[in-house]
């Protein structure tokens, strides 16, 4: 694992996080579920950056994949709209 590859996956996940938009209005049970899932995604992305900054590229790679998986799962569960982007998401 190289820093270049990690930066690629960090960027990919950042783009996915920015592109996907909530489907359900605030205050709904689905929106509350999404909030939990996005917190997990954000925490794992933060962990990935921390691990990378400390030279632990293997853990960084694992963490960024978990982060992206939380976002992707939210699209798959129809909590987020992936806007038909089949590069960033596994669409429903």
PDB file of N, CA and C in Angstrom:
ATOM      1  N   UNK A   1       0.850  -1.170   0.000  1.00  0.00           N
ATOM      2  CA  UNK A   1       0.000   0.000   0.000  1.00  0.00           C
ATOM      3  C   UNK A   1       0.896   1.233   0.000  1.00  0.00           C
ATOM      4  N   UNK A   2       0.575   2.140  -0.899  1.00  0.00           N
ATOM      5  CA  UNK A   2       1.360   3.372  -1.021  1.00  0.00           C
ATOM      6  C   UNK A   2       0.531   4.567  -0.558  1.00  0.00           C
ATOM      7  N   UNK A   3       1.211   5.649  -0.269  1.00  0.00           N
ATOM      8  CA  UNK A   3       0.519   6.876   0.104  1.00  0.00           C
ATOM      9  C   UNK A   3      -0.357   7.354  -1.053  1.00  0.00           C
ATOM     10  N   UNK A   4       0.136   7.206  -2.268  1.00  0.00           N
ATOM     11  CA  UNK A   4      -0.635   7.614  -3.446  1.00  0.00           C
ATOM     12  C   UNK A   4      -1.964   6.866  -3.520  1.00  0.00           C
ATOM     13  N   UNK A   5      -1.937   5.551  -3.291  1.00  0.00           N
ATOM     14  CA  UNK A   5      -3.171   4.750  -3.315  1.00  0.00           C
ATOM     15  C   UNK A   5      -4.108   5.181  -2.200  1.00  0.00           C
ATOM     16  N   UNK A   6      -3.561   5.409  -1.017  1.00  0.00           N
ATOM     17  CA  UNK A   6      -4.393   5.844   0.106  1.00  0.00           C
ATOM     18  C   UNK A   6      -5.054   7.183  -0.196  1.00  0.00           C
ATOM     19  N   UNK A   7      -4.300   8.093  -0.759  1.00  0.00           N
ATOM     20  CA  UNK A   7      -4.873   9.395  -1.104  1.00  0.00           C
ATOM     21  C   UNK A   7      -5.992   9.242  -2.130  1.00  0.00           C
ATOM     22  N   UNK A   8      -5.823   8.313  -3.063  1.00  0.00           N
ATOM     23  CA  UNK A   8      -6.875   8.034  -4.038  1.00  0.00           C
ATOM     24  C   UNK A   8      -8.155   7.576  -3.335  1.00  0.00           C
ATOM     25  N   UNK A   9      -8.031   6.623  -2.415  1.00  0.00           N
ATOM     26  CA  UNK A   9      -9.222   6.102  -1.735  1.00  0.00           C
ATOM     27  C   UNK A   9      -9.816   7.112  -0.756  1.00  0.00           C
ATOM     28  N   UNK A  10      -8.988   7.908  -0.129  1.00  0.00           N
ATOM     29  CA  UNK A  10      -9.514   8.980   0.719  1.00  0.00           C
ATOM     30  C   UNK A  10     -10.328   9.960  -0.114  1.00  0.00           C
ATOM     31  N   UNK A  11      -9.818  10.299  -1.288  1.00  0.00           N
ATOM     32  CA  UNK A  11     -10.537  11.217  -2.178  1.00  0.00           C
ATOM     33  C   UNK A  11     -11.831  10.587  -2.688  1.00  0.00           C
ATOM     34  N   UNK A  12     -11.781   9.328  -3.057  1.00  0.00           N
ATOM     35  CA  UNK A  12     -12.971   8.627  -3.541  1.00  0.00           C
ATOM     36  C   UNK A  12     -14.080   8.652  -2.488  1.00  0.00           C
ATOM     37  N   UNK A  13     -13.714   8.379  -1.260  1.00  0.00           N
ATOM     38  CA  UNK A  13     -14.695   8.370  -0.170  1.00  0.00           C
ATOM     39  C   UNK A  13     -15.191   9.780   0.123  1.00  0.00           C
ATOM     40  N   UNK A  14     -14.305  10.762   0.055  1.00  0.00           N
ATOM     41  CA  UNK A  14     -14.711  12.157   0.259  1.00  0.00           C
ATOM     42  C   UNK A  14     -15.719  12.574  -0.812  1.00  0.00           C
ATOM     43  N   UNK A  15     -15.468  12.174  -2.069  1.00  0.00           N
ATOM     44  CA  UNK A  15     -16.398  12.510  -3.150  1.00  0.00           C
ATOM     45  C   UNK A  15     -17.743  11.812  -2.963  1.00  0.00           C
ATOM     46  N   UNK A  16     -17.705  10.562  -2.514  1.00  0.00           N
ATOM     47  CA  UNK A  16     -18.953   9.826  -2.269  1.00  0.00           C
ATOM     48  C   UNK A  16     -19.748  10.497  -1.156  1.00  0.00           C
ATOM     49  N   UNK A  17     -19.064  10.895  -0.106  1.00  0.00           N
ATOM     50  CA  UNK A  17     -19.731  11.545   1.040  1.00  0.00           C
ATOM     51  C   UNK A  17     -20.372  12.859   0.604  1.00  0.00           C
ATOM     52  N   UNK A  18     -19.696  13.585  -0.264  1.00  0.00           N
ATOM     53  CA  UNK A  18     -20.216  14.877  -0.718  1.00  0.00           C
ATOM     54  C   UNK A  18     -21.360  14.724  -1.718  1.00  0.00           C
ATOM     55  N   UNK A  19     -21.318  13.679  -2.523  1.00  0.00           N
ATOM     56  CA  UNK A  19     -22.310  13.533  -3.585  1.00  0.00           C
ATOM     57  C   UNK A  19     -23.643  12.996  -3.080  1.00  0.00           C
ATOM     58  N   UNK A  20     -23.596  12.029  -2.188  1.00  0.00           N
ATOM     59  CA  UNK A  20     -24.825  11.390  -1.711  1.00  0.00           C
ATOM     60  C   UNK A  20     -25.621  12.356  -0.837  1.00  0.00           C
ATOM     61  N   UNK A  21     -26.923  12.378  -1.060  1.00  0.00           N
ATOM     62  CA  UNK A  21     -27.783  13.277  -0.300  1.00  0.00           C
ATOM     63  C   UNK A  21     -28.881  12.490   0.407  1.00  0.00           C
ATOM     64  N   UNK A  22     -29.296  12.966   1.572  1.00  0.00           N
ATOM     65  CA  UNK A  22     -30.354  12.273   2.319  1.00  0.00           C
ATOM     66  C   UNK A  22     -31.658  12.217   1.527  1.00  0.00           C
ATOM     67  N   UNK A  23     -32.347  11.110   1.670  1.00  0.00           N
ATOM     68  CA  UNK A  23     -33.634  10.927   1.006  1.00  0.00           C
ATOM     69  C   UNK A  23     -34.789  11.333   1.925  1.00  0.00           C
ATOM     70  N   UNK A  24     -34.653  11.052   3.193  1.00  0.00           N
ATOM     71  CA  UNK A  24     -35.753  11.261   4.146  1.00  0.00           C
ATOM     72  C   UNK A  24     -35.603  12.581   4.891  1.00  0.00           C
ATOM     73  N   UNK A  25     -36.724  13.229   5.210  1.00  0.00           N
ATOM     74  CA  UNK A  25     -36.680  14.500   5.942  1.00  0.00           C
ATOM     75  C   UNK A  25     -36.088  14.342   7.337  1.00  0.00           C
ATOM     76  N   UNK A  26     -35.481  15.424   7.815  1.00  0.00           N
ATOM     77  CA  UNK A  26     -34.937  15.437   9.170  1.00  0.00           C
ATOM     78  C   UNK A  26     -36.032  15.103  10.172  1.00  0.00           C
ATOM     79  N   UNK A  27     -35.628  14.409  11.223  1.00  0.00           N
ATOM     80  CA  UNK A  27     -36.560  14.060  12.276  1.00  0.00           C
ATOM     81  C   UNK A  27     -37.252  12.727  12.090  1.00  0.00           C
ATOM     82  N   UNK A  28     -37.136  12.147  10.907  1.00  0.00           N
ATOM     83  CA  UNK A  28     -37.757  10.840  10.675  1.00  0.00           C
ATOM     84  C   UNK A  28     -36.848   9.747  11.235  1.00  0.00           C
ATOM     85  N   UNK A  29     -37.402   8.572  11.513  1.00  0.00           N
ATOM     86  CA  UNK A  29     -36.561   7.459  11.980  1.00  0.00           C
ATOM     87  C   UNK A  29     -35.430   7.138  10.992  1.00  0.00           C
ATOM     88  N   UNK A  30     -35.722   7.235   9.696  1.00  0.00           N
ATOM     89  CA  UNK A  30     -34.696   6.957   8.687  1.00  0.00           C
ATOM     90  C   UNK A  30     -33.563   7.979   8.739  1.00  0.00           C
ATOM     91  N   UNK A  31     -33.917   9.235   8.949  1.00  0.00           N
ATOM     92  CA  UNK A  31     -32.900  10.277   9.048  1.00  0.00           C
ATOM     93  C   UNK A  31     -32.027  10.060  10.283  1.00  0.00           C
ATOM     94  N   UNK A  32     -32.614   9.590  11.348  1.00  0.00           N
ATOM     95  CA  UNK A  32     -31.837   9.294  12.555  1.00  0.00           C
ATOM     96  C   UNK A  32     -30.903   8.111  12.325  1.00  0.00           C
ATOM     97  N   UNK A  33     -31.369   7.102  11.594  1.00  0.00           N
ATOM     98  CA  UNK A  33     -30.506   5.974  11.241  1.00  0.00           C
ATOM     99  C   UNK A  33     -29.344   6.449  10.373  1.00  0.00           C
ATOM    100  N   UNK A  34     -29.657   7.297   9.409  1.00  0.00           N
ATOM    101  CA  UNK A  34     -28.628   7.823   8.521  1.00  0.00           C
ATOM    102  C   UNK A  34     -27.584   8.612   9.307  1.00  0.00           C
ATOM    103  N   UNK A  35     -28.026   9.385  10.265  1.00  0.00           N
ATOM    104  CA  UNK A  35     -27.097  10.161  11.081  1.00  0.00           C
ATOM    105  C   UNK A  35     -26.075   9.244  11.757  1.00  0.00           C
ATOM    106  N   UNK A  36     -26.535   8.133  12.278  1.00  0.00           N
ATOM    107  CA  UNK A  36     -25.639   7.164  12.919  1.00  0.00           C
ATOM    108  C   UNK A  36     -24.659   6.595  11.894  1.00  0.00           C
ATOM    109  N   UNK A  37     -25.169   6.237  10.732  1.00  0.00           N
ATOM    110  CA  UNK A  37     -24.321   5.638   9.707  1.00  0.00           C
ATOM    111  C   UNK A  37     -23.275   6.621   9.193  1.00  0.00           C
ATOM    112  N   UNK A  38     -23.658   7.881   9.026  1.00  0.00           N
ATOM    113  CA  UNK A  38     -22.702   8.870   8.542  1.00  0.00           C
ATOM    114  C   UNK A  38     -21.669   9.211   9.608  1.00  0.00           C
ATOM    115  N   UNK A  39     -22.073   9.137  10.864  1.00  0.00           N
ATOM    116  CA  UNK A  39     -21.098   9.350  11.944  1.00  0.00           C
ATOM    117  C   UNK A  39     -20.040   8.258  11.895  1.00  0.00           C
ATOM    118  N   UNK A  40     -20.473   7.019  11.651  1.00  0.00           N
ATOM    119  CA  UNK A  40     -19.523   5.909  11.527  1.00  0.00           C
ATOM    120  C   UNK A  40     -18.599   6.143  10.334  1.00  0.00           C
ATOM    121  N   UNK A  41     -19.164   6.556   9.196  1.00  0.00           N
ATOM    122  CA  UNK A  41     -18.353   6.823   8.008  1.00  0.00           C
ATOM    123  C   UNK A  41     -17.319   7.911   8.292  1.00  0.00           C
ATOM    124  N   UNK A  42     -17.760   8.984   8.921  1.00  0.00           N
ATOM    125  CA  UNK A  42     -16.858  10.097   9.217  1.00  0.00           C
ATOM    126  C   UNK A  42     -15.774   9.690  10.213  1.00  0.00           C
ATOM    127  N   UNK A  43     -16.151   8.904  11.215  1.00  0.00           N
ATOM    128  CA  UNK A  43     -15.165   8.448  12.202  1.00  0.00           C
ATOM    129  C   UNK A  43     -14.113   7.549  11.558  1.00  0.00           C
ATOM    130  N   UNK A  44     -14.540   6.637  10.707  1.00  0.00           N
ATOM    131  CA  UNK A  44     -13.585   5.757  10.029  1.00  0.00           C
ATOM    132  C   UNK A  44     -12.691   6.543   9.074  1.00  0.00           C
ATOM    133  N   UNK A  45     -13.247   7.529   8.379  1.00  0.00           N
ATOM    134  CA  UNK A  45     -12.425   8.361   7.487  1.00  0.00           C
ATOM    135  C   UNK A  45     -11.379   9.134   8.292  1.00  0.00           C
ATOM    136  N   UNK A  46     -11.785   9.638   9.434  1.00  0.00           N
ATOM    137  CA  UNK A  46     -10.847  10.340  10.309  1.00  0.00           C
ATOM    138  C   UNK A  46      -9.763   9.383  10.808  1.00  0.00           C
ATOM    139  N   UNK A  47     -10.153   8.187  11.185  1.00  0.00           N
ATOM    140  CA  UNK A  47      -9.183   7.179  11.614  1.00  0.00           C
ATOM    141  C   UNK A  47      -8.197   6.874  10.488  1.00  0.00           C
ATOM    142  N   UNK A  48      -8.705   6.768   9.258  1.00  0.00           N
ATOM    143  CA  UNK A  48      -7.838   6.463   8.116  1.00  0.00           C
ATOM    144  C   UNK A  48      -6.765   7.536   7.955  1.00  0.00           C
ATOM    145  N   UNK A  49      -7.174   8.800   8.056  1.00  0.00           N
ATOM    146  CA  UNK A  49      -6.201   9.894   7.934  1.00  0.00           C
ATOM    147  C   UNK A  49      -5.181   9.831   9.068  1.00  0.00           C
ATOM    148  N   UNK A  50      -5.649   9.541  10.276  1.00  0.00           N
ATOM    149  CA  UNK A  50      -4.750   9.423  11.429  1.00  0.00           C
ATOM    150  C   UNK A  50      -3.731   8.306  11.213  1.00  0.00           C
ATOM    151  N   UNK A  51      -4.210   7.136  10.805  1.00  0.00           N
ATOM    152  CA  UNK A  51      -3.301   6.010  10.571  1.00  0.00           C
ATOM    153  C   UNK A  51      -2.296   6.345   9.464  1.00  0.00           C
ATOM    154  N   UNK A  52      -2.766   6.975   8.385  1.00  0.00           N
ATOM    155  CA  UNK A  52      -1.868   7.316   7.291  1.00  0.00           C
ATOM    156  C   UNK A  52      -0.799   8.304   7.762  1.00  0.00           C
ATOM    157  N   UNK A  53      -1.226   9.302   8.513  1.00  0.00           N
ATOM    158  CA  UNK A  53      -0.270  10.299   9.015  1.00  0.00           C
ATOM    159  C   UNK A  53       0.788   9.679   9.916  1.00  0.00           C
ATOM    160  N   UNK A  54       0.447   8.552  10.540  1.00  0.00           N
ATOM    161  CA  UNK A  54       1.386   7.856  11.423  1.00  0.00           C
ATOM    162  C   UNK A  54       2.093   6.706  10.722  1.00  0.00           C
ATOM    163  N   UNK A  55       1.950   6.638   9.398  1.00  0.00           N
ATOM    164  CA  UNK A  55       2.668   5.636   8.619  1.00  0.00           C
ATOM    165  C   UNK A  55       2.087   4.240   8.644  1.00  0.00           C
ATOM    166  N   UNK A  56       0.909   4.072   9.227  1.00  0.00           N
ATOM    167  CA  UNK A  56       0.269   2.751   9.287  1.00  0.00           C
ATOM    168  C   UNK A  56      -0.699   2.625   8.111  1.00  0.00           C
ATOM    169  N   UNK A  57      -0.143   2.342   6.955  1.00  0.00           N
ATOM    170  CA  UNK A  57      -0.929   2.323   5.722  1.00  0.00           C
ATOM    171  C   UNK A  57      -1.914   1.163   5.662  1.00  0.00           C
ATOM    172  N   UNK A  58      -1.582   0.061   6.287  1.00  0.00           N
ATOM    173  CA  UNK A  58      -2.509  -1.084   6.262  1.00  0.00           C
ATOM    174  C   UNK A  58      -3.783  -0.745   7.026  1.00  0.00           C
ATOM    175  N   UNK A  59      -3.643  -0.205   8.228  1.00  0.00           N
ATOM    176  CA  UNK A  59      -4.834   0.185   8.990  1.00  0.00           C
ATOM    177  C   UNK A  59      -5.570   1.333   8.314  1.00  0.00           C
ATOM    178  N   UNK A  60      -4.846   2.246   7.714  1.00  0.00           N
ATOM    179  CA  UNK A  60      -5.477   3.357   6.998  1.00  0.00           C
ATOM    180  C   UNK A  60      -6.337   2.826   5.851  1.00  0.00           C
ATOM    181  N   UNK A  61      -5.807   1.859   5.112  1.00  0.00           N
ATOM    182  CA  UNK A  61      -6.549   1.278   4.001  1.00  0.00           C
ATOM    183  C   UNK A  61      -7.816   0.579   4.498  1.00  0.00           C
ATOM    184  N   UNK A  62      -7.688  -0.162   5.581  1.00  0.00           N
ATOM    185  CA  UNK A  62      -8.863  -0.820   6.147  1.00  0.00           C
ATOM    186  C   UNK A  62      -9.903   0.183   6.605  1.00  0.00           C
ATOM    187  N   UNK A  63      -9.474   1.225   7.271  1.00  0.00           N
ATOM    188  CA  UNK A  63     -10.404   2.216   7.808  1.00  0.00           C
ATOM    189  C   UNK A  63     -11.130   2.974   6.704  1.00  0.00           C
ATOM    190  N   UNK A  64     -10.426   3.339   5.631  1.00  0.00           N
ATOM    191  CA  UNK A  64     -11.098   4.097   4.573  1.00  0.00           C
ATOM    192  C   UNK A  64     -12.084   3.208   3.828  1.00  0.00           C
ATOM    193  N   UNK A  65     -11.791   1.921   3.744  1.00  0.00           N
ATOM    194  CA  UNK A  65     -12.748   1.012   3.125  1.00  0.00           C
ATOM    195  C   UNK A  65     -14.000   0.863   3.982  1.00  0.00           C
ATOM    196  N   UNK A  66     -13.841   0.816   5.287  1.00  0.00           N
ATOM    197  CA  UNK A  66     -15.007   0.791   6.169  1.00  0.00           C
ATOM    198  C   UNK A  66     -15.822   2.077   6.012  1.00  0.00           C
ATOM    199  N   UNK A  67     -15.144   3.214   5.946  1.00  0.00           N
ATOM    200  CA  UNK A  67     -15.841   4.492   5.787  1.00  0.00           C
ATOM    201  C   UNK A  67     -16.698   4.490   4.522  1.00  0.00           C
ATOM    202  N   UNK A  68     -16.094   4.056   3.436  1.00  0.00           N
ATOM    203  CA  UNK A  68     -16.833   4.042   2.176  1.00  0.00           C
ATOM    204  C   UNK A  68     -17.980   3.040   2.235  1.00  0.00           C
ATOM    205  N   UNK A  69     -17.768   1.935   2.911  1.00  0.00           N
ATOM    206  CA  UNK A  69     -18.818   0.917   3.030  1.00  0.00           C
ATOM    207  C   UNK A  69     -20.041   1.448   3.773  1.00  0.00           C
ATOM    208  N   UNK A  70     -19.845   2.262   4.800  1.00  0.00           N
ATOM    209  CA  UNK A  70     -20.983   2.854   5.514  1.00  0.00           C
ATOM    210  C   UNK A  70     -21.785   3.761   4.588  1.00  0.00           C
ATOM    211  N   UNK A  71     -21.092   4.538   3.765  1.00  0.00           N
ATOM    212  CA  UNK A  71     -21.785   5.415   2.816  1.00  0.00           C
ATOM    213  C   UNK A  71     -22.517   4.580   1.773  1.00  0.00           C
ATOM    214  N   UNK A  72     -21.814   3.611   1.233  1.00  0.00           N
ATOM    215  CA  UNK A  72     -22.394   2.754   0.201  1.00  0.00           C
ATOM    216  C   UNK A  72     -23.607   1.991   0.730  1.00  0.00           C
ATOM    217  N   UNK A  73     -23.514   1.507   1.949  1.00  0.00           N
ATOM    218  CA  UNK A  73     -24.645   0.798   2.551  1.00  0.00           C
ATOM    219  C   UNK A  73     -25.840   1.731   2.711  1.00  0.00           C
ATOM    220  N   UNK A  74     -25.580   2.980   3.035  1.00  0.00           N
ATOM    221  CA  UNK A  74     -26.665   3.947   3.182  1.00  0.00           C
ATOM    222  C   UNK A  74     -27.370   4.212   1.855  1.00  0.00           C
ATOM    223  N   UNK A  75     -26.624   4.178   0.768  1.00  0.00           N
ATOM    224  CA  UNK A  75     -27.237   4.306  -0.559  1.00  0.00           C
ATOM    225  C   UNK A  75     -28.049   3.042  -0.852  1.00  0.00           C
ATOM    226  N   UNK A  76     -27.454   1.899  -0.586  1.00  0.00           N
ATOM    227  CA  UNK A  76     -28.123   0.626  -0.861  1.00  0.00           C
ATOM    228  C   UNK A  76     -29.418   0.492  -0.064  1.00  0.00           C
ATOM    229  N   UNK A  77     -29.429   0.985   1.166  1.00  0.00           N
ATOM    230  CA  UNK A  77     -30.617   0.919   2.023  1.00  0.00           C
ATOM    231  C   UNK A  77     -31.608   2.044   1.733  1.00  0.00           C
ATOM    232  N   UNK A  78     -31.286   2.885   0.774  1.00  0.00           N
ATOM    233  CA  UNK A  78     -32.125   4.004   0.358  1.00  0.00           C
ATOM    234  C   UNK A  78     -32.333   5.039   1.475  1.00  0.00           C
ATOM    235  N   UNK A  79     -31.249   5.235   2.229  1.00  0.00           N
ATOM    236  CA  UNK A  79     -31.212   6.343   3.169  1.00  0.00           C
ATOM    237  C   UNK A  79     -30.551   7.550   2.521  1.00  0.00           C
ATOM    238  N   UNK A  80     -29.665   7.274   1.562  1.00  0.00           N
ATOM    239  CA  UNK A  80     -29.006   8.303   0.767  1.00  0.00           C
ATOM    240  C   UNK A  80     -29.317   8.074  -0.702  1.00  0.00           C
ATOM    241  N   UNK A  81     -29.363   9.168  -1.450  1.00  0.00           N
ATOM    242  CA  UNK A  81     -29.503   9.104  -2.899  1.00  0.00           C
ATOM    243  C   UNK A  81     -28.106   9.187  -3.506  1.00  0.00           C
ATOM    244  N   UNK A  82     -27.722   8.172  -4.255  1.00  0.00           N
ATOM    245  CA  UNK A  82     -26.420   8.153  -4.904  1.00  0.00           C
ATOM    246  C   UNK A  82     -26.410   8.801  -6.266  1.00  0.00           C
ATOM    247  N   UNK A  83     -27.548   9.358  -6.671  1.00  0.00           N
ATOM    248  CA  UNK A  83     -27.679  10.105  -7.923  1.00  0.00           C
ATOM    249  C   UNK A  83     -27.181   9.304  -9.131  1.00  0.00           C
ATOM    250  N   UNK A  84     -27.513   8.015  -9.117  1.00  0.00           N
ATOM    251  CA  UNK A  84     -27.205   7.115 -10.242  1.00  0.00           C
ATOM    252  C   UNK A  84     -25.715   6.999 -10.558  1.00  0.00           C
ATOM    253  N   UNK A  85     -24.873   7.272  -9.594  1.00  0.00           N
ATOM    254  CA  UNK A  85     -23.423   7.172  -9.797  1.00  0.00           C
ATOM    255  C   UNK A  85     -22.969   5.755  -9.453  1.00  0.00           C
ATOM    256  N   UNK A  86     -22.760   4.959 -10.496  1.00  0.00           N
ATOM    257  CA  UNK A  86     -22.365   3.574 -10.256  1.00  0.00           C
ATOM    258  C   UNK A  86     -20.840   3.403 -10.165  1.00  0.00           C
ATOM    259  N   UNK A  87     -20.113   4.504 -10.129  1.00  0.00           N
ATOM    260  CA  UNK A  87     -18.682   4.462  -9.881  1.00  0.00           C
ATOM    261  C   UNK A  87     -18.425   4.616  -8.381  1.00  0.00           C
ATOM    262  N   UNK A  88     -19.125   5.538  -7.760  1.00  0.00           N
ATOM    263  CA  UNK A  88     -18.931   5.783  -6.324  1.00  0.00           C
ATOM    264  C   UNK A  88     -19.744   4.855  -5.445  1.00  0.00           C
ATOM    265  N   UNK A  89     -20.834   4.291  -5.989  1.00  0.00           N
ATOM    266  CA  UNK A  89     -21.764   3.515  -5.162  1.00  0.00           C
ATOM    267  C   UNK A  89     -22.180   2.212  -5.838  1.00  0.00           C
ATOM    268  N   UNK A  90     -22.575   1.270  -5.011  1.00  0.00           N
ATOM    269  CA  UNK A  90     -23.271   0.082  -5.478  1.00  0.00           C
ATOM    270  C   UNK A  90     -24.741   0.451  -5.423  1.00  0.00           C
ATOM    271  N   UNK A  91     -25.328   0.722  -6.552  1.00  0.00           N
ATOM    272  CA  UNK A  91     -26.684   1.250  -6.587  1.00  0.00           C
ATOM    273  C   UNK A  91     -27.722   0.167  -6.292  1.00  0.00           C
ATOM    274  N   UNK A  92     -28.864   0.614  -5.701  1.00  0.00           N
ATOM    275  CA  UNK A  92     -29.944  -0.343  -5.414  1.00  0.00           C
ATOM    276  C   UNK A  92     -30.455  -1.012  -6.675  1.00  0.00           C
TER     277      UNK A  92
END
